[in-house]
Amino acid sequence: MEVGLTKIEEVSVLTIKGRVDTASTSKLENICNKLLSQQESKVLIDGTSIDFISSAGLRVLLKLAKEVKKYSGNLAVAHINDYVH
């Protein structure tokens, strides 16, 4: 799994590529924790290149969504393919 992080105006964009599973969630969690430590309130997950996401990966994203709401923010997910959806 590869994770890219860019900022477009006020929105932090996480681009995830590959499989998000138990073996790779620690990398994703570290990046999410970085966003939370910076109190980012607008996060977009670009799922164009996600091949698979396990319950462990979903847990990380749900935790991020819950924490972002504390800053009156939102998390959005875009471009998820049918298989992953």
PDB file of N, CA and C in Angstrom:
ATOM      1  N   MET A   1       0.831  -1.170   0.000  1.00  0.00           N
ATOM      2  CA  MET A   1       0.000   0.000   0.000  1.00  0.00           C
ATOM      3  C   MET A   1       0.881   1.241   0.000  1.00  0.00           C
ATOM      4  N   GLU A   2       0.455   2.220  -0.759  1.00  0.00           N
ATOM      5  CA  GLU A   2       1.105   3.527  -0.779  1.00  0.00           C
ATOM      6  C   GLU A   2       0.079   4.583  -0.387  1.00  0.00           C
ATOM      7  N   VAL A   3       0.524   5.558   0.387  1.00  0.00           N
ATOM      8  CA  VAL A   3      -0.363   6.646   0.791  1.00  0.00           C
ATOM      9  C   VAL A   3       0.317   7.964   0.487  1.00  0.00           C
ATOM     10  N   GLY A   4      -0.382   8.813  -0.243  1.00  0.00           N
ATOM     11  CA  GLY A   4       0.112  10.150  -0.522  1.00  0.00           C
ATOM     12  C   GLY A   4      -0.746  11.164   0.205  1.00  0.00           C
ATOM     13  N   LEU A   5      -0.136  12.237   0.631  1.00  0.00           N
ATOM     14  CA  LEU A   5      -0.858  13.292   1.329  1.00  0.00           C
ATOM     15  C   LEU A   5      -0.536  14.623   0.681  1.00  0.00           C
ATOM     16  N   THR A   6      -1.567  15.287   0.201  1.00  0.00           N
ATOM     17  CA  THR A   6      -1.406  16.610  -0.395  1.00  0.00           C
ATOM     18  C   THR A   6      -2.444  17.548   0.215  1.00  0.00           C
ATOM     19  N   LYS A   7      -2.210  18.804   0.039  1.00  0.00           N
ATOM     20  CA  LYS A   7      -3.144  19.810   0.550  1.00  0.00           C
ATOM     21  C   LYS A   7      -3.604  20.655  -0.623  1.00  0.00           C
ATOM     22  N   ILE A   8      -4.907  20.727  -0.819  1.00  0.00           N
ATOM     23  CA  ILE A   8      -5.498  21.567  -1.854  1.00  0.00           C
ATOM     24  C   ILE A   8      -6.388  22.579  -1.138  1.00  0.00           C
ATOM     25  N   GLU A   9      -5.907  23.811  -1.107  1.00  0.00           N
ATOM     26  CA  GLU A   9      -6.540  24.877  -0.336  1.00  0.00           C
ATOM     27  C   GLU A   9      -6.692  24.416   1.114  1.00  0.00           C
ATOM     28  N   GLU A  10      -7.918  24.258   1.612  1.00  0.00           N
ATOM     29  CA  GLU A  10      -8.122  23.868   3.005  1.00  0.00           C
ATOM     30  C   GLU A  10      -8.336  22.367   3.187  1.00  0.00           C
ATOM     31  N   VAL A  11      -8.249  21.601   2.107  1.00  0.00           N
ATOM     32  CA  VAL A  11      -8.574  20.178   2.153  1.00  0.00           C
ATOM     33  C   VAL A  11      -7.304  19.330   2.100  1.00  0.00           C
ATOM     34  N   SER A  12      -7.184  18.413   3.063  1.00  0.00           N
ATOM     35  CA  SER A  12      -6.097  17.428   3.048  1.00  0.00           C
ATOM     36  C   SER A  12      -6.583  16.228   2.248  1.00  0.00           C
ATOM     37  N   VAL A  13      -5.826  15.859   1.209  1.00  0.00           N
ATOM     38  CA  VAL A  13      -6.227  14.762   0.328  1.00  0.00           C
ATOM     39  C   VAL A  13      -5.296  13.578   0.557  1.00  0.00           C
ATOM     40  N   LEU A  14      -5.892  12.464   0.992  1.00  0.00           N
ATOM     41  CA  LEU A  14      -5.151  11.206   1.154  1.00  0.00           C
ATOM     42  C   LEU A  14      -5.405  10.359  -0.079  1.00  0.00           C
ATOM     43  N   THR A  15      -4.360  10.039  -0.799  1.00  0.00           N
ATOM     44  CA  THR A  15      -4.476   9.167  -1.961  1.00  0.00           C
ATOM     45  C   THR A  15      -3.915   7.810  -1.559  1.00  0.00           C
ATOM     46  N   ILE A  16      -4.770   6.806  -1.603  1.00  0.00           N
ATOM     47  CA  ILE A  16      -4.381   5.462  -1.158  1.00  0.00           C
ATOM     48  C   ILE A  16      -4.326   4.554  -2.375  1.00  0.00           C
ATOM     49  N   LYS A  17      -3.215   3.807  -2.482  1.00  0.00           N
ATOM     50  CA  LYS A  17      -3.032   2.873  -3.599  1.00  0.00           C
ATOM     51  C   LYS A  17      -2.730   1.486  -3.056  1.00  0.00           C
ATOM     52  N   GLY A  18      -3.386   0.483  -3.625  1.00  0.00           N
ATOM     53  CA  GLY A  18      -3.099  -0.898  -3.253  1.00  0.00           C
ATOM     54  C   GLY A  18      -4.070  -1.450  -2.231  1.00  0.00           C
ATOM     55  N   ARG A  19      -3.570  -2.440  -1.470  1.00  0.00           N
ATOM     56  CA  ARG A  19      -4.377  -3.140  -0.471  1.00  0.00           C
ATOM     57  C   ARG A  19      -4.235  -2.476   0.893  1.00  0.00           C
ATOM     58  N   VAL A  20      -5.361  -2.213   1.519  1.00  0.00           N
ATOM     59  CA  VAL A  20      -5.368  -1.689   2.883  1.00  0.00           C
ATOM     60  C   VAL A  20      -5.810  -2.861   3.767  1.00  0.00           C
ATOM     61  N   ASP A  21      -4.835  -3.509   4.368  1.00  0.00           N
ATOM     62  CA  ASP A  21      -5.135  -4.676   5.196  1.00  0.00           C
ATOM     63  C   ASP A  21      -4.370  -4.593   6.505  1.00  0.00           C
ATOM     64  N   THR A  22      -4.445  -5.638   7.299  1.00  0.00           N
ATOM     65  CA  THR A  22      -3.819  -5.640   8.618  1.00  0.00           C
ATOM     66  C   THR A  22      -2.337  -5.323   8.546  1.00  0.00           C
ATOM     67  N   ALA A  23      -1.672  -5.806   7.521  1.00  0.00           N
ATOM     68  CA  ALA A  23      -0.227  -5.591   7.395  1.00  0.00           C
ATOM     69  C   ALA A  23       0.128  -4.140   7.062  1.00  0.00           C
ATOM     70  N   SER A  24      -0.783  -3.405   6.472  1.00  0.00           N
ATOM     71  CA  SER A  24      -0.445  -2.053   6.014  1.00  0.00           C
ATOM     72  C   SER A  24      -1.153  -0.933   6.773  1.00  0.00           C
ATOM     73  N   THR A  25      -2.040  -1.265   7.686  1.00  0.00           N
ATOM     74  CA  THR A  25      -2.807  -0.208   8.348  1.00  0.00           C
ATOM     75  C   THR A  25      -1.962   0.677   9.249  1.00  0.00           C
ATOM     76  N   SER A  26      -0.848   0.179   9.762  1.00  0.00           N
ATOM     77  CA  SER A  26      -0.035   1.019  10.648  1.00  0.00           C
ATOM     78  C   SER A  26       0.486   2.250   9.905  1.00  0.00           C
ATOM     79  N   LYS A  27       0.842   2.078   8.640  1.00  0.00           N
ATOM     80  CA  LYS A  27       1.304   3.218   7.837  1.00  0.00           C
ATOM     81  C   LYS A  27       0.171   4.232   7.661  1.00  0.00           C
ATOM     82  N   LEU A  28      -1.017   3.743   7.337  1.00  0.00           N
ATOM     83  CA  LEU A  28      -2.164   4.625   7.170  1.00  0.00           C
ATOM     84  C   LEU A  28      -2.522   5.307   8.487  1.00  0.00           C
ATOM     85  N   GLU A  29      -2.474   4.557   9.575  1.00  0.00           N
ATOM     86  CA  GLU A  29      -2.797   5.115  10.885  1.00  0.00           C
ATOM     87  C   GLU A  29      -1.819   6.218  11.285  1.00  0.00           C
ATOM     88  N   ASN A  30      -0.537   6.044  10.975  1.00  0.00           N
ATOM     89  CA  ASN A  30       0.465   7.074  11.275  1.00  0.00           C
ATOM     90  C   ASN A  30       0.159   8.376  10.544  1.00  0.00           C
ATOM     91  N   ILE A  31      -0.232   8.275   9.289  1.00  0.00           N
ATOM     92  CA  ILE A  31      -0.553   9.475   8.516  1.00  0.00           C
ATOM     93  C   ILE A  31      -1.831  10.123   9.044  1.00  0.00           C
ATOM     94  N   CYS A  32      -2.806   9.307   9.407  1.00  0.00           N
ATOM     95  CA  CYS A  32      -4.049   9.842   9.973  1.00  0.00           C
ATOM     96  C   CYS A  32      -3.775  10.539  11.305  1.00  0.00           C
ATOM     97  N   ASN A  33      -2.917   9.964  12.109  1.00  0.00           N
ATOM     98  CA  ASN A  33      -2.562  10.584  13.386  1.00  0.00           C
ATOM     99  C   ASN A  33      -1.861  11.925  13.172  1.00  0.00           C
ATOM    100  N   LYS A  34      -1.057  12.007  12.113  1.00  0.00           N
ATOM    101  CA  LYS A  34      -0.403  13.268  11.772  1.00  0.00           C
ATOM    102  C   LYS A  34      -1.445  14.334  11.435  1.00  0.00           C
ATOM    103  N   LEU A  35      -2.450  13.955  10.659  1.00  0.00           N
ATOM    104  CA  LEU A  35      -3.529  14.892  10.324  1.00  0.00           C
ATOM    105  C   LEU A  35      -4.256  15.360  11.581  1.00  0.00           C
ATOM    106  N   LEU A  36      -4.511  14.415  12.475  1.00  0.00           N
ATOM    107  CA  LEU A  36      -5.226  14.759  13.704  1.00  0.00           C
ATOM    108  C   LEU A  36      -4.396  15.658  14.604  1.00  0.00           C
ATOM    109  N   SER A  37      -3.105  15.420  14.656  1.00  0.00           N
ATOM    110  CA  SER A  37      -2.247  16.265  15.496  1.00  0.00           C
ATOM    111  C   SER A  37      -2.192  17.697  14.968  1.00  0.00           C
ATOM    112  N   GLN A  38      -2.421  17.849  13.667  1.00  0.00           N
ATOM    113  CA  GLN A  38      -2.452  19.182  13.055  1.00  0.00           C
ATOM    114  C   GLN A  38      -3.866  19.764  13.051  1.00  0.00           C
ATOM    115  N   GLN A  39      -4.797  19.033  13.646  1.00  0.00           N
ATOM    116  CA  GLN A  39      -6.204  19.431  13.745  1.00  0.00           C
ATOM    117  C   GLN A  39      -6.814  19.755  12.377  1.00  0.00           C
ATOM    118  N   GLU A  40      -6.479  18.931  11.403  1.00  0.00           N
ATOM    119  CA  GLU A  40      -7.065  19.095  10.073  1.00  0.00           C
ATOM    120  C   GLU A  40      -8.559  18.774  10.167  1.00  0.00           C
ATOM    121  N   SER A  41      -9.388  19.618   9.571  1.00  0.00           N
ATOM    122  CA  SER A  41     -10.830  19.424   9.698  1.00  0.00           C
ATOM    123  C   SER A  41     -11.518  19.045   8.388  1.00  0.00           C
ATOM    124  N   LYS A  42     -10.805  19.138   7.293  1.00  0.00           N
ATOM    125  CA  LYS A  42     -11.374  18.763   5.994  1.00  0.00           C
ATOM    126  C   LYS A  42     -10.451  17.748   5.337  1.00  0.00           C
ATOM    127  N   VAL A  43     -10.937  16.517   5.250  1.00  0.00           N
ATOM    128  CA  VAL A  43     -10.123  15.430   4.712  1.00  0.00           C
ATOM    129  C   VAL A  43     -10.897  14.724   3.606  1.00  0.00           C
ATOM    130  N   LEU A  44     -10.213  14.481   2.506  1.00  0.00           N
ATOM    131  CA  LEU A  44     -10.784  13.741   1.381  1.00  0.00           C
ATOM    132  C   LEU A  44      -9.930  12.502   1.139  1.00  0.00           C
ATOM    133  N   ILE A  45     -10.562  11.349   1.083  1.00  0.00           N
ATOM    134  CA  ILE A  45      -9.879  10.101   0.747  1.00  0.00           C
ATOM    135  C   ILE A  45     -10.121   9.841  -0.730  1.00  0.00           C
ATOM    136  N   ASP A  46      -9.052   9.810  -1.515  1.00  0.00           N
ATOM    137  CA  ASP A  46      -9.152   9.459  -2.934  1.00  0.00           C
ATOM    138  C   ASP A  46      -8.923   7.960  -3.042  1.00  0.00           C
ATOM    139  N   GLY A  47      -9.993   7.235  -3.293  1.00  0.00           N
ATOM    140  CA  GLY A  47      -9.920   5.775  -3.334  1.00  0.00           C
ATOM    141  C   GLY A  47      -9.820   5.185  -4.724  1.00  0.00           C
ATOM    142  N   THR A  48      -9.422   5.991  -5.687  1.00  0.00           N
ATOM    143  CA  THR A  48      -9.342   5.526  -7.074  1.00  0.00           C
ATOM    144  C   THR A  48      -8.522   4.247  -7.204  1.00  0.00           C
ATOM    145  N   SER A  49      -7.436   4.140  -6.459  1.00  0.00           N
ATOM    146  CA  SER A  49      -6.510   3.029  -6.622  1.00  0.00           C
ATOM    147  C   SER A  49      -6.503   2.053  -5.448  1.00  0.00           C
ATOM    148  N   ILE A  50      -7.557   2.081  -4.624  1.00  0.00           N
ATOM    149  CA  ILE A  50      -7.654   1.090  -3.547  1.00  0.00           C
ATOM    150  C   ILE A  50      -8.136  -0.216  -4.160  1.00  0.00           C
ATOM    151  N   ASP A  51      -7.345  -1.286  -3.969  1.00  0.00           N
ATOM    152  CA  ASP A  51      -7.710  -2.598  -4.503  1.00  0.00           C
ATOM    153  C   ASP A  51      -8.557  -3.396  -3.520  1.00  0.00           C
ATOM    154  N   PHE A  52      -8.325  -3.175  -2.224  1.00  0.00           N
ATOM    155  CA  PHE A  52      -8.995  -3.943  -1.176  1.00  0.00           C
ATOM    156  C   PHE A  52      -8.869  -3.170   0.124  1.00  0.00           C
ATOM    157  N   ILE A  53      -9.887  -3.239   0.963  1.00  0.00           N
ATOM    158  CA  ILE A  53      -9.786  -2.642   2.297  1.00  0.00           C
ATOM    159  C   ILE A  53     -10.412  -3.610   3.300  1.00  0.00           C
ATOM    160  N   SER A  54      -9.643  -3.943   4.315  1.00  0.00           N
ATOM    161  CA  SER A  54     -10.104  -4.876   5.346  1.00  0.00           C
ATOM    162  C   SER A  54     -10.814  -4.111   6.453  1.00  0.00           C
ATOM    163  N   SER A  55     -11.346  -4.855   7.409  1.00  0.00           N
ATOM    164  CA  SER A  55     -12.001  -4.218   8.549  1.00  0.00           C
ATOM    165  C   SER A  55     -11.008  -3.385   9.348  1.00  0.00           C
ATOM    166  N   ALA A  56      -9.752  -3.786   9.380  1.00  0.00           N
ATOM    167  CA  ALA A  56      -8.724  -3.004  10.085  1.00  0.00           C
ATOM    168  C   ALA A  56      -8.520  -1.649   9.405  1.00  0.00           C
ATOM    169  N   GLY A  57      -8.538  -1.636   8.098  1.00  0.00           N
ATOM    170  CA  GLY A  57      -8.411  -0.382   7.358  1.00  0.00           C
ATOM    171  C   GLY A  57      -9.622   0.505   7.546  1.00  0.00           C
ATOM    172  N   LEU A  58     -10.804  -0.103   7.544  1.00  0.00           N
ATOM    173  CA  LEU A  58     -12.024   0.667   7.783  1.00  0.00           C
ATOM    174  C   LEU A  58     -12.028   1.271   9.184  1.00  0.00           C
ATOM    175  N   ARG A  59     -11.507   0.529  10.153  1.00  0.00           N
ATOM    176  CA  ARG A  59     -11.437   1.031  11.524  1.00  0.00           C
ATOM    177  C   ARG A  59     -10.607   2.308  11.585  1.00  0.00           C
ATOM    178  N   VAL A  60      -9.466   2.324  10.885  1.00  0.00           N
ATOM    179  CA  VAL A  60      -8.603   3.509  10.870  1.00  0.00           C
ATOM    180  C   VAL A  60      -9.343   4.699  10.267  1.00  0.00           C
ATOM    181  N   LEU A  61     -10.048   4.478   9.161  1.00  0.00           N
ATOM    182  CA  LEU A  61     -10.762   5.573   8.512  1.00  0.00           C
ATOM    183  C   LEU A  61     -11.950   6.052   9.344  1.00  0.00           C
ATOM    184  N   LEU A  62     -12.641   5.125   9.998  1.00  0.00           N
ATOM    185  CA  LEU A  62     -13.761   5.517  10.860  1.00  0.00           C
ATOM    186  C   LEU A  62     -13.274   6.322  12.062  1.00  0.00           C
ATOM    187  N   LYS A  63     -12.140   5.926  12.616  1.00  0.00           N
ATOM    188  CA  LYS A  63     -11.563   6.679  13.729  1.00  0.00           C
ATOM    189  C   LYS A  63     -11.208   8.092  13.268  1.00  0.00           C
ATOM    190  N   LEU A  64     -10.613   8.201  12.077  1.00  0.00           N
ATOM    191  CA  LEU A  64     -10.268   9.510  11.527  1.00  0.00           C
ATOM    192  C   LEU A  64     -11.521  10.367  11.362  1.00  0.00           C
ATOM    193  N   ALA A  65     -12.580   9.791  10.806  1.00  0.00           N
ATOM    194  CA  ALA A  65     -13.823  10.533  10.598  1.00  0.00           C
ATOM    195  C   ALA A  65     -14.389  11.035  11.922  1.00  0.00           C
ATOM    196  N   LYS A  66     -14.363  10.175  12.926  1.00  0.00           N
ATOM    197  CA  LYS A  66     -14.892  10.547  14.243  1.00  0.00           C
ATOM    198  C   LYS A  66     -14.083  11.693  14.857  1.00  0.00           C
ATOM    199  N   GLU A  67     -12.771  11.615  14.755  1.00  0.00           N
ATOM    200  CA  GLU A  67     -11.908  12.640  15.344  1.00  0.00           C
ATOM    201  C   GLU A  67     -11.987  13.963  14.588  1.00  0.00           C
ATOM    202  N   VAL A  68     -12.129  13.907  13.273  1.00  0.00           N
ATOM    203  CA  VAL A  68     -12.228  15.126  12.460  1.00  0.00           C
ATOM    204  C   VAL A  68     -13.494  15.909  12.844  1.00  0.00           C
ATOM    205  N   LYS A  69     -14.547  15.183  13.187  1.00  0.00           N
ATOM    206  CA  LYS A  69     -15.795  15.852  13.588  1.00  0.00           C
ATOM    207  C   LYS A  69     -15.607  16.696  14.839  1.00  0.00           C
ATOM    208  N   LYS A  70     -14.641  16.334  15.681  1.00  0.00           N
ATOM    209  CA  LYS A  70     -14.378  17.110  16.888  1.00  0.00           C
ATOM    210  C   LYS A  70     -13.929  18.531  16.552  1.00  0.00           C
ATOM    211  N   TYR A  71     -13.374  18.705  15.358  1.00  0.00           N
ATOM    212  CA  TYR A  71     -12.915  20.018  14.903  1.00  0.00           C
ATOM    213  C   TYR A  71     -13.954  20.655  13.977  1.00  0.00           C
ATOM    214  N   SER A  72     -15.190  20.179  14.077  1.00  0.00           N
ATOM    215  CA  SER A  72     -16.295  20.641  13.223  1.00  0.00           C
ATOM    216  C   SER A  72     -15.973  20.430  11.751  1.00  0.00           C
ATOM    217  N   GLY A  73     -15.304  19.342  11.463  1.00  0.00           N
ATOM    218  CA  GLY A  73     -14.899  19.050  10.096  1.00  0.00           C
ATOM    219  C   GLY A  73     -15.637  17.868   9.505  1.00  0.00           C
ATOM    220  N   ASN A  74     -15.174  17.459   8.333  1.00  0.00           N
ATOM    221  CA  ASN A  74     -15.776  16.347   7.605  1.00  0.00           C
ATOM    222  C   ASN A  74     -14.708  15.509   6.934  1.00  0.00           C
ATOM    223  N   LEU A  75     -15.023  14.249   6.765  1.00  0.00           N
ATOM    224  CA  LEU A  75     -14.204  13.340   5.977  1.00  0.00           C
ATOM    225  C   LEU A  75     -15.078  12.853   4.837  1.00  0.00           C
ATOM    226  N   ALA A  76     -14.557  12.914   3.626  1.00  0.00           N
ATOM    227  CA  ALA A  76     -15.286  12.434   2.453  1.00  0.00           C
ATOM    228  C   ALA A  76     -14.435  11.405   1.736  1.00  0.00           C
ATOM    229  N   VAL A  77     -15.110  10.467   1.085  1.00  0.00           N
ATOM    230  CA  VAL A  77     -14.429   9.429   0.312  1.00  0.00           C
ATOM    231  C   VAL A  77     -14.918   9.539  -1.118  1.00  0.00           C
ATOM    232  N   ALA A  78     -13.985   9.528  -2.058  1.00  0.00           N
ATOM    233  CA  ALA A  78     -14.345   9.677  -3.465  1.00  0.00           C
ATOM    234  C   ALA A  78     -13.683   8.596  -4.321  1.00  0.00           C
ATOM    235  N   HIS A  79     -14.343   8.273  -5.390  1.00  0.00           N
ATOM    236  CA  HIS A  79     -13.790   7.402  -6.441  1.00  0.00           C
ATOM    237  C   HIS A  79     -13.494   5.979  -5.972  1.00  0.00           C
ATOM    238  N   ILE A  80     -14.367   5.411  -5.163  1.00  0.00           N
ATOM    239  CA  ILE A  80     -14.205   4.017  -4.739  1.00  0.00           C
ATOM    240  C   ILE A  80     -14.760   3.131  -5.851  1.00  0.00           C
ATOM    241  N   ASN A  81     -13.984   2.117  -6.236  1.00  0.00           N
ATOM    242  CA  ASN A  81     -14.468   1.225  -7.301  1.00  0.00           C
ATOM    243  C   ASN A  81     -15.562   0.293  -6.736  1.00  0.00           C
ATOM    244  N   ASP A  82     -16.313  -0.314  -7.609  1.00  0.00           N
ATOM    245  CA  ASP A  82     -17.452  -1.140  -7.213  1.00  0.00           C
ATOM    246  C   ASP A  82     -17.057  -2.298  -6.298  1.00  0.00           C
ATOM    247  N   TYR A  83     -15.929  -2.937  -6.578  1.00  0.00           N
ATOM    248  CA  TYR A  83     -15.495  -4.075  -5.775  1.00  0.00           C
ATOM    249  C   TYR A  83     -15.227  -3.662  -4.329  1.00  0.00           C
ATOM    250  N   VAL A  84     -14.554  -2.576  -4.128  1.00  0.00           N
ATOM    251  CA  VAL A  84     -14.240  -2.105  -2.786  1.00  0.00           C
ATOM    252  C   VAL A  84     -15.494  -1.574  -2.102  1.00  0.00           C
ATOM    253  N   HIS A  85     -16.350  -0.909  -2.867  1.00  0.00           N
ATOM    254  CA  HIS A  85     -17.577  -0.357  -2.305  1.00  0.00           C
ATOM    255  C   HIS A  85     -18.412  -1.469  -1.723  1.00  0.00           C
TER     256      HIS A  85
END
